[in-house]
Protein backbone atom coordinates (compact mmCIF):
# COMPACT_ATOMS: atom_id res chain seq x y z
CA UNK A 1 7.13 11.58 46.43
CA UNK A 2 4.50 14.32 46.40
CA UNK A 3 5.11 15.03 42.74
CA UNK A 4 4.67 11.35 41.93
CA UNK A 5 1.38 11.23 43.88
CA UNK A 6 -0.01 14.31 42.13
CA UNK A 7 1.08 12.92 38.75
CA UNK A 8 -0.55 9.55 39.54
CA UNK A 9 -3.82 11.22 40.61
CA UNK A 10 -3.92 13.22 37.41
CA UNK A 11 -3.29 10.05 35.41
CA UNK A 12 -6.00 8.18 37.33
CA UNK A 13 -8.54 10.91 36.52
CA UNK A 14 -7.49 11.01 32.89
CA UNK A 15 -7.60 7.21 32.53
CA UNK A 16 -11.02 6.87 34.13
CA UNK A 17 -12.47 9.44 31.72
CA UNK A 18 -10.61 7.88 28.80
CA UNK A 19 -11.76 4.36 29.74
CA UNK A 20 -15.41 5.43 30.05
CA UNK A 21 -15.19 7.13 26.66
CA UNK A 22 -13.71 3.99 25.07
CA UNK A 23 -16.40 1.77 26.59
CA UNK A 24 -19.06 4.16 25.28
CA UNK A 25 -17.52 4.03 21.80
CA UNK A 26 -17.40 0.22 21.93
CA UNK A 27 -20.99 -0.41 23.04
CA UNK A 28 -22.98 2.48 21.61
CA UNK A 29 -21.23 3.54 18.43
CA UNK A 30 -18.66 1.37 16.74
CA UNK A 31 -18.83 -2.03 18.47
CA UNK A 32 -15.15 -2.16 17.56
CA UNK A 33 -12.83 -4.57 19.39
CA UNK A 34 -9.97 -2.06 19.19
CA UNK A 35 -11.82 0.21 21.63
CA UNK A 36 -12.44 -2.75 23.94
CA UNK A 37 -8.76 -3.76 24.15
CA UNK A 38 -7.68 -0.17 24.62
CA UNK A 39 -10.30 0.22 27.38
CA UNK A 40 -8.95 -2.93 29.12
CA UNK A 41 -5.45 -1.54 28.79
CA UNK A 42 -6.64 1.70 30.40
CA UNK A 43 -8.43 -0.25 33.16
CA UNK A 44 -5.34 -2.30 34.03
CA UNK A 45 -3.18 0.83 34.04
CA UNK A 46 -5.69 2.70 36.27
CA UNK A 47 -5.68 -0.25 38.66
CA UNK A 48 -1.90 -0.12 38.72
CA UNK A 49 -1.95 3.60 39.54
CA UNK A 50 -4.48 3.15 42.36
CA UNK A 51 -2.51 0.28 43.87
CA UNK A 52 0.58 2.43 43.65
CA UNK A 53 -1.08 4.99 45.94
CA UNK A 54 -2.00 2.27 48.47
CA UNK A 55 1.41 0.71 49.07
CA UNK A 56 1.62 -0.87 52.52
CA UNK A 57 4.98 -1.79 54.02
CA UNK A 58 6.66 -1.53 50.65
CA UNK A 59 4.74 -4.51 49.21
CA UNK A 60 4.81 -4.19 45.40
CA UNK A 61 3.28 -7.61 44.62
CA UNK A 62 -0.09 -6.43 43.27
CA UNK A 63 1.51 -3.47 41.54
CA UNK A 64 3.75 -5.87 39.62
CA UNK A 65 0.81 -8.12 38.83
CA UNK A 66 -1.29 -5.22 37.51
CA UNK A 67 1.72 -4.01 35.54
CA UNK A 68 1.96 -7.42 33.87
CA UNK A 69 -1.73 -7.11 32.99
CA UNK A 70 -0.95 -3.77 31.33
CA UNK A 71 1.65 -5.46 29.13
CA UNK A 72 -0.70 -8.36 28.28
CA UNK A 73 -3.49 -6.00 27.15
CA UNK A 74 -0.93 -3.91 25.30
CA UNK A 75 0.13 -6.99 23.29
CA UNK A 76 -3.53 -7.99 22.82
CA UNK A 77 -4.35 -4.54 21.41
CA UNK A 78 -1.47 -4.66 18.92
CA UNK A 79 -2.37 -8.25 17.96
CA UNK A 80 -6.01 -7.31 17.23
CA UNK A 81 -5.34 -3.91 15.67
CA UNK A 82 -2.60 -4.68 13.18
CA UNK A 83 -3.34 -6.73 10.09
CA UNK A 84 -0.75 -9.43 10.78
CA UNK A 85 -2.59 -12.45 9.36
CA UNK A 86 0.08 -12.75 6.68
CA UNK A 87 2.93 -12.32 9.17
CA UNK A 88 3.00 -15.60 11.07
CA UNK A 89 6.29 -14.71 12.79
CA UNK A 90 4.92 -11.50 14.38
CA UNK A 91 1.68 -13.20 15.41
CA UNK A 92 3.53 -16.08 17.10
CA UNK A 93 5.88 -13.62 18.84
CA UNK A 94 2.98 -11.63 20.32
CA UNK A 95 1.04 -14.72 21.43
CA UNK A 96 4.20 -16.22 22.93
CA UNK A 97 4.85 -12.96 24.78
CA UNK A 98 1.31 -12.97 26.22
CA UNK A 99 1.73 -16.58 27.36
CA UNK A 100 5.16 -15.81 28.86
CA UNK A 101 3.83 -12.85 30.87
CA UNK A 102 0.75 -14.83 31.96
CA UNK A 103 3.07 -17.53 33.34
CA UNK A 104 4.97 -14.83 35.23
CA UNK A 105 1.72 -13.40 36.57
CA UNK A 106 0.51 -16.79 37.82
CA UNK A 107 3.88 -17.60 39.38
CA UNK A 108 3.83 -14.23 41.14
CA UNK A 109 0.39 -15.00 42.62
CA UNK A 110 1.48 -18.45 43.83
CA UNK A 111 5.04 -17.62 44.81
CA UNK A 112 4.33 -18.00 48.53
CA UNK A 113 2.68 -21.42 48.24
CA UNK A 114 5.32 -23.33 46.33
CA UNK A 115 9.08 -23.39 45.86
CA UNK A 116 8.49 -24.35 42.21
CA UNK A 117 6.58 -21.14 41.49
CA UNK A 118 9.26 -19.17 43.28
CA UNK A 119 11.87 -20.69 40.95
CA UNK A 120 9.67 -20.02 37.92
CA UNK A 121 9.26 -16.41 39.02
CA UNK A 122 13.02 -16.00 39.40
CA UNK A 123 13.60 -17.32 35.88
CA UNK A 124 10.80 -15.12 34.58
CA UNK A 125 12.26 -11.98 36.18
CA UNK A 126 15.68 -12.67 34.69
CA UNK A 127 14.23 -13.13 31.17
CA UNK A 128 11.41 -10.56 31.21
CA UNK A 129 13.43 -7.54 30.09
CA UNK A 130 14.95 -9.39 27.13
CA UNK A 131 11.62 -10.94 26.03
CA UNK A 132 9.79 -7.62 26.32
CA UNK A 133 12.42 -5.72 24.32
CA UNK A 134 12.54 -8.52 21.72
CA UNK A 135 8.77 -8.45 21.14
CA UNK A 136 8.71 -4.66 20.94
CA UNK A 137 11.59 -4.83 18.42
CA UNK A 138 9.67 -7.39 16.33
CA UNK A 139 6.60 -5.15 16.27
CA UNK A 140 8.69 -2.09 15.35
CA UNK A 141 10.33 -4.02 12.51
CA UNK A 142 6.93 -5.08 11.17
CA UNK A 143 5.36 -1.61 11.43
CA UNK A 144 8.51 0.09 10.07
CA UNK A 145 8.00 -1.65 6.73
CA UNK A 146 4.52 -0.05 6.46
CA UNK A 147 5.15 3.49 7.77
CA UNK A 148 1.93 4.86 6.26
CA UNK A 149 -1.42 5.95 7.63
CA UNK A 150 -2.34 4.50 11.01
CA UNK A 151 0.80 2.34 11.05
CA UNK A 152 2.79 5.53 11.58
CA UNK A 153 1.03 6.27 14.90
CA UNK A 154 1.57 2.69 16.05
CA UNK A 155 5.25 3.10 15.18
CA UNK A 156 5.47 6.28 17.28
CA UNK A 157 3.82 4.48 20.19
CA UNK A 158 6.22 1.53 19.97
CA UNK A 159 9.24 3.81 19.74
CA UNK A 160 7.98 5.57 22.89
CA UNK A 161 7.70 2.19 24.67
CA UNK A 162 11.18 1.04 23.79
CA UNK A 163 12.72 4.45 24.61
CA UNK A 164 11.08 4.58 28.04
CA UNK A 165 11.93 0.93 28.68
CA UNK A 166 15.62 1.62 28.09
CA UNK A 167 15.43 4.65 30.39
CA UNK A 168 13.64 2.64 33.10
CA UNK A 169 16.26 -0.11 33.12
CA UNK A 170 19.06 2.46 33.30
CA UNK A 171 17.22 4.82 35.66
CA UNK A 172 19.63 4.37 38.57
CA UNK A 173 22.59 5.59 36.56
CA UNK A 174 20.73 8.37 34.70
CA UNK A 175 18.64 9.84 37.54
CA UNK A 176 20.35 8.69 40.70
CA UNK A 177 16.88 7.98 42.13
CA UNK A 178 15.17 4.93 43.49
CA UNK A 179 14.22 2.75 40.51
CA UNK A 180 10.60 2.37 41.58
CA UNK A 181 10.21 6.16 41.67
CA UNK A 182 12.00 7.34 38.52
CA UNK A 183 11.10 4.18 36.62
CA UNK A 184 7.45 4.42 37.58
CA UNK A 185 7.15 8.03 36.49
CA UNK A 186 8.61 7.02 33.13
CA UNK A 187 6.20 4.09 32.95
CA UNK A 188 3.22 6.42 33.51
CA UNK A 189 4.51 8.85 30.89
CA UNK A 190 5.08 6.00 28.46
CA UNK A 191 1.52 4.66 28.79
CA UNK A 192 -0.11 8.08 28.48
CA UNK A 193 1.82 8.87 25.29
CA UNK A 194 1.01 5.42 23.91
CA UNK A 195 -2.69 5.96 24.64
CA UNK A 196 -2.62 9.14 22.58
CA UNK A 197 -0.82 7.53 19.65
CA UNK A 198 -2.99 4.38 19.71
CA UNK A 199 -6.18 6.41 19.85
CA UNK A 200 -4.98 8.47 16.88
CA UNK A 201 -4.20 5.20 15.10
CA UNK A 202 -7.76 3.94 15.66
CA UNK A 203 -9.29 7.18 14.39
CA UNK A 204 -6.99 7.18 11.36
CA UNK A 205 -7.76 3.55 10.56
CA UNK A 206 -11.50 4.18 10.80
CA UNK A 207 -11.11 7.21 8.53
CA UNK A 208 -9.10 5.17 6.01
CA UNK A 209 -11.67 2.36 6.09
CA UNK A 210 -14.48 4.86 5.62
CA UNK A 211 -12.67 6.44 2.67
CA UNK A 212 -12.04 2.99 1.19
CA UNK A 213 -15.72 2.07 1.54
CA UNK A 214 -16.71 5.35 -0.11
CA UNK A 215 -14.20 4.70 -2.90
CA UNK A 216 -15.55 1.19 -3.47
CA UNK A 217 -19.12 2.47 -3.42
CA UNK A 218 -18.14 5.10 -5.98
CA UNK A 219 -16.51 2.45 -8.17
CA UNK A 220 -19.58 0.23 -7.90
CA UNK A 221 -21.86 3.14 -8.76
CA UNK A 222 -19.61 4.14 -11.66
CA UNK A 223 -19.54 0.59 -12.97
CA UNK A 224 -23.32 0.41 -12.62
CA UNK A 225 -23.73 3.61 -14.64
CA UNK A 226 -21.29 2.35 -17.26
CA UNK A 227 -23.27 -0.88 -17.59
CA UNK A 228 -26.50 1.08 -17.88
CA UNK A 229 -24.95 3.31 -20.55
CA UNK A 230 -23.60 0.28 -22.36
CA UNK A 231 -27.03 -1.37 -22.22
CA UNK A 232 -28.68 1.78 -23.53
CA UNK A 233 -26.16 2.01 -26.37
CA UNK A 234 -26.77 -1.65 -27.19
CA UNK A 235 -30.52 -1.10 -27.23
CA UNK A 236 -30.01 1.94 -29.44
CA UNK A 237 -27.82 -0.08 -31.79
CA UNK A 238 -30.39 -2.88 -32.00
CA UNK A 239 -33.13 -0.33 -32.70
CA UNK A 240 -31.10 1.24 -35.54
CA UNK A 241 -30.18 -2.15 -36.97
CA UNK A 242 -33.78 -3.33 -36.88
CA UNK A 243 -34.86 -0.09 -38.54
CA UNK A 244 -32.20 -0.35 -41.27
CA UNK A 245 -32.32 -4.09 -41.89
CA UNK A 246 -35.88 -5.12 -41.13
CA UNK A 247 -37.54 -1.85 -42.07
CA UNK A 248 -35.90 -1.73 -45.45
CA UNK A 249 -36.55 -5.44 -46.03
CA UNK A 250 -40.21 -5.25 -45.10
CA UNK A 251 -40.68 -2.20 -47.33
CA UNK A 252 -39.09 -4.08 -50.22
CA UNK A 253 -41.31 -7.11 -49.65
CA UNK A 254 -44.40 -4.89 -49.51
CA UNK A 255 -43.40 -3.13 -52.72
CA UNK A 256 -42.58 -6.38 -54.51
CA UNK A 257 -45.85 -7.95 -53.33
CA UNK A 258 -47.86 -5.01 -54.65
CA UNK A 259 -46.15 -5.32 -58.03
CA UNK A 260 -46.97 -9.05 -58.16
CA UNK A 261 -50.56 -8.35 -57.15
CA UNK A 262 -50.98 -5.83 -59.95
CA UNK A 263 -49.49 -8.24 -62.49
CA UNK A 264 -51.98 -10.96 -61.57
CA UNK A 265 -51.48 -14.72 -61.42
CA UNK A 266 -51.56 -15.18 -65.20
CA UNK A 267 -48.55 -12.98 -65.77
CA UNK A 268 -46.48 -14.13 -62.72
CA UNK A 269 -42.83 -13.17 -63.14
CA UNK A 270 -40.37 -15.70 -61.70
CA UNK A 271 -37.65 -13.07 -61.48
CA UNK A 272 -39.87 -11.02 -59.21
CA UNK A 273 -40.53 -14.08 -57.05
CA UNK A 274 -36.80 -14.78 -56.82
CA UNK A 275 -36.22 -11.18 -55.76
CA UNK A 276 -38.91 -11.55 -53.09
CA UNK A 277 -37.35 -14.79 -51.83
CA UNK A 278 -33.90 -13.16 -51.72
CA UNK A 279 -35.23 -10.25 -49.69
CA UNK A 280 -36.92 -12.61 -47.23
CA UNK A 281 -33.74 -14.72 -47.01
CA UNK A 282 -31.67 -11.62 -46.36
CA UNK A 283 -34.05 -10.51 -43.61
CA UNK A 284 -33.97 -13.97 -42.06
CA UNK A 285 -30.18 -13.89 -41.93
CA UNK A 286 -30.19 -10.37 -40.51
CA UNK A 287 -32.56 -11.40 -37.73
CA UNK A 288 -30.42 -14.46 -36.91
CA UNK A 289 -27.31 -12.29 -36.76
CA UNK A 290 -28.93 -9.75 -34.44
CA UNK A 291 -30.25 -12.49 -32.16
CA UNK A 292 -26.82 -14.12 -32.12
CA UNK A 293 -25.12 -10.84 -31.26
CA UNK A 294 -27.35 -10.12 -28.22
CA UNK A 295 -27.36 -13.67 -26.86
CA UNK A 296 -25.15 -13.60 -23.69
CA UNK A 297 -24.23 -17.27 -24.21
CA UNK A 298 -22.15 -16.17 -27.20
CA UNK A 299 -20.05 -13.72 -25.19
CA UNK A 300 -16.81 -15.69 -25.58
CA UNK A 301 -14.10 -15.99 -28.21
CA UNK A 302 -14.74 -19.65 -29.03
CA UNK A 303 -18.38 -19.06 -30.05
CA UNK A 304 -17.39 -15.99 -32.03
CA UNK A 305 -14.68 -17.92 -33.88
CA UNK A 306 -17.03 -20.82 -34.69
CA UNK A 307 -19.75 -18.46 -35.92
CA UNK A 308 -17.35 -16.55 -38.20
CA UNK A 309 -15.96 -19.74 -39.76
CA UNK A 310 -19.43 -21.24 -40.18
CA UNK A 311 -20.67 -18.03 -41.75
CA UNK A 312 -17.74 -17.98 -44.20
CA UNK A 313 -18.33 -21.58 -45.29
CA UNK A 314 -22.06 -21.01 -45.82
CA UNK A 315 -21.38 -17.76 -47.69
CA UNK A 316 -18.87 -19.19 -50.18
CA UNK A 317 -20.38 -22.65 -50.65
CA UNK A 318 -22.66 -21.29 -53.42
CA UNK A 319 -19.72 -19.66 -55.19
CA UNK A 320 -16.76 -21.17 -57.07
CA UNK A 321 -14.42 -19.67 -54.45
CA UNK A 322 -12.65 -22.08 -52.08
CA UNK A 323 -12.89 -20.95 -48.42
CA UNK A 324 -10.14 -21.85 -45.95
CA UNK A 325 -10.06 -20.94 -42.26
CA UNK A 326 -7.63 -21.22 -39.37
CA UNK A 327 -7.63 -19.95 -35.80
CA UNK A 328 -5.36 -19.56 -32.80
CA UNK A 329 -7.06 -18.53 -29.56
CA UNK A 330 -4.94 -18.37 -26.40
CA UNK A 331 -7.98 -18.21 -24.13
CA UNK A 332 -11.11 -19.46 -25.96
CA UNK A 333 -13.33 -18.90 -22.92
CA UNK A 334 -12.49 -15.22 -22.47
CA UNK A 335 -15.33 -12.73 -22.81
CA UNK A 336 -16.04 -10.50 -25.77
CA UNK A 337 -18.69 -7.79 -25.65
CA UNK A 338 -21.80 -8.05 -27.81
CA UNK A 339 -21.09 -4.71 -29.50
CA UNK A 340 -17.58 -5.87 -30.44
CA UNK A 341 -18.87 -9.21 -31.75
CA UNK A 342 -21.59 -7.65 -33.85
CA UNK A 343 -19.41 -4.93 -35.41
CA UNK A 344 -16.61 -7.39 -36.17
CA UNK A 345 -19.13 -9.71 -37.81
CA UNK A 346 -20.41 -6.87 -40.03
CA UNK A 347 -16.82 -6.01 -40.94
CA UNK A 348 -16.22 -9.64 -41.82
CA UNK A 349 -19.41 -9.82 -43.92
CA UNK A 350 -18.31 -6.78 -45.91
CA UNK A 351 -14.85 -8.27 -46.47
CA UNK A 352 -16.34 -11.59 -47.68
CA UNK A 353 -18.75 -9.67 -49.92
CA UNK A 354 -15.89 -7.77 -51.55
CA UNK A 355 -13.98 -11.02 -52.14
CA UNK A 356 -16.96 -12.73 -53.74
CA UNK A 357 -18.06 -9.76 -55.86
CA UNK A 358 -14.85 -8.06 -56.95
CA UNK A 359 -11.77 -10.24 -56.43
CA UNK A 360 -12.26 -12.66 -59.36
CA UNK A 361 -10.07 -15.04 -57.34
CA UNK A 362 -10.34 -18.75 -56.70
CA UNK A 363 -9.76 -18.88 -52.94
CA UNK A 364 -10.23 -16.88 -49.74
CA UNK A 365 -8.18 -17.47 -46.60
CA UNK A 366 -9.58 -16.38 -43.26
CA UNK A 367 -7.63 -16.44 -39.99
CA UNK A 368 -8.53 -15.30 -36.49
CA UNK A 369 -6.07 -15.03 -33.60
CA UNK A 370 -6.56 -13.69 -30.11
CA UNK A 371 -4.52 -13.17 -26.94
CA UNK A 372 -5.21 -11.44 -23.64
CA UNK A 373 -5.09 -7.99 -25.23
CA UNK A 374 -6.39 -8.19 -28.80
CA UNK A 375 -8.36 -10.00 -31.50
CA UNK A 376 -7.00 -10.09 -35.04
CA UNK A 377 -8.83 -11.13 -38.22
CA UNK A 378 -7.23 -11.44 -41.66
CA UNK A 379 -9.16 -11.97 -44.89
CA UNK A 380 -7.01 -12.63 -47.95
CA UNK A 381 -7.90 -13.55 -51.52
CA UNK A 382 -5.82 -14.39 -54.61
CA UNK A 383 -7.75 -12.14 -56.97
CA UNK A 384 -6.88 -9.20 -59.15
CA UNK A 385 -6.58 -6.62 -56.38
CA UNK A 386 -8.47 -3.40 -55.81
CA UNK A 387 -8.75 -0.53 -58.25
CA UNK A 388 -8.45 3.03 -56.96
CA UNK A 389 -12.21 3.52 -57.16
CA UNK A 390 -12.98 0.39 -55.17
CA UNK A 391 -10.27 1.21 -52.60
CA UNK A 392 -12.25 4.31 -51.72
CA UNK A 393 -15.65 2.66 -51.99
CA UNK A 394 -18.50 2.67 -49.49
CA UNK A 395 -17.80 -0.89 -48.27
CA UNK A 396 -14.22 -0.20 -47.17
CA UNK A 397 -15.20 3.13 -45.65
CA UNK A 398 -17.89 1.34 -43.64
CA UNK A 399 -15.35 -1.21 -42.40
CA UNK A 400 -12.88 1.52 -41.39
CA UNK A 401 -15.62 3.42 -39.57
CA UNK A 402 -16.62 0.35 -37.55
CA UNK A 403 -12.98 -0.47 -36.71
CA UNK A 404 -12.41 3.09 -35.48
CA UNK A 405 -15.57 2.80 -33.37
CA UNK A 406 -14.00 -0.21 -31.63
CA UNK A 407 -10.68 1.67 -31.12
CA UNK A 408 -8.96 -0.78 -33.46
CA UNK A 409 -6.87 -0.52 -36.57
CA UNK A 410 -7.26 -1.81 -40.13
CA UNK A 411 -4.56 -2.42 -42.74
CA UNK A 412 -5.26 -2.91 -46.43
CA UNK A 413 -2.78 -4.45 -48.87
CA UNK A 414 -3.73 -4.94 -52.49
CA UNK A 415 -1.77 -5.77 -55.66
CA UNK A 416 -2.03 -7.94 -58.74
CA UNK A 417 -1.67 -11.08 -56.60
CA UNK A 418 -4.68 -10.37 -54.41
CA UNK A 419 -6.01 -8.33 -51.50
CA UNK A 420 -5.44 -8.67 -47.76
CA UNK A 421 -7.53 -6.96 -45.08
CA UNK A 422 -5.92 -7.08 -41.63
CA UNK A 423 -8.09 -6.00 -38.68
CA UNK A 424 -6.92 -5.73 -35.06
CA UNK A 425 -9.17 -4.85 -32.11
CA UNK A 426 -7.73 -4.19 -28.64
CA UNK A 427 -9.97 -6.04 -26.20
CA UNK A 428 -8.56 -4.22 -23.12
CA UNK A 429 -10.17 -1.03 -24.43
């Protein structure tokens, strides 16, 4: 009996310090409900230990009541700590267990005032062991499927509970001692070990959550930098395009205007005026294309498809070549980056230009298809095919360079029956 008293006093001192530490963590640092439930569990267990030292005439009523409170707060801690929102069965089992033990606690308090509560308490005592072991088994089964991180410490704590529970209920045969002595020592050992495992579980969970927050912050920061880099690249591209397209066009207009000014109004050359108009028209189209490419409202496949088909019709309507188009978009509303749109449009312009200038054919077929992973464009004419010189010309090299920039692939087929340019861009790149 002396050993039990010394052990209980040590546990009382440990639990008071542990409870004060948990309360401090709850109010002044984390404001975390896990610390609160574990503090309540420690408080109920400390109360049980103190009552155990003050037994009068062998009356264990309040000890049993405080012990039931220990189990209730134990279930409440597990219910709040584990992420069991998706496991309705485990949640219902824990809540039912808390209600069952609360009924037993109330019946124990009122057992002397009513025969009904005495009967309820008898039924409760006969079922308690089975219900308790069942709920612990349900929790072990749920945690066993996780077996990682903080779940592992909860699993160790639950295994300790069920091991000590089996030893308590078979204490008479194993120890040959009074059940309330051997069983109670096991109960104290069980709770202390569980406290250690549960506290380690809280620390581990907080560490995992902190690491996850840091990981998400890193991903957000990385994505932000990528967007900034992408924006800078887009600005750089626009600057180069404006320099190449508008700068060259304005220089040509200036030069042509100076020539016309020198010639004078009496010797006005209509060919020079036509050249000036063509330069201005080309610049106008270039500006429209650049504005279209940077407009965020056009960042979807449907707008890109409509623009390409409209551009092809306008391009070939002044030529004897018949233009035909077809499309098959699995998800017309899916996004497509401005850089991809603009480079694919320039590739398409070069392909149409080659058809109109070199094919000597009567028709051009354009098709665009897209799925969740790629966009594919095919331009095919029925002309005379490409000579070796034209196959290695600047236009095709420019198309290949732009396709490589987009991490895509281009296939060229040419024979006496015509030329086909097949371009595929992987959108998940």
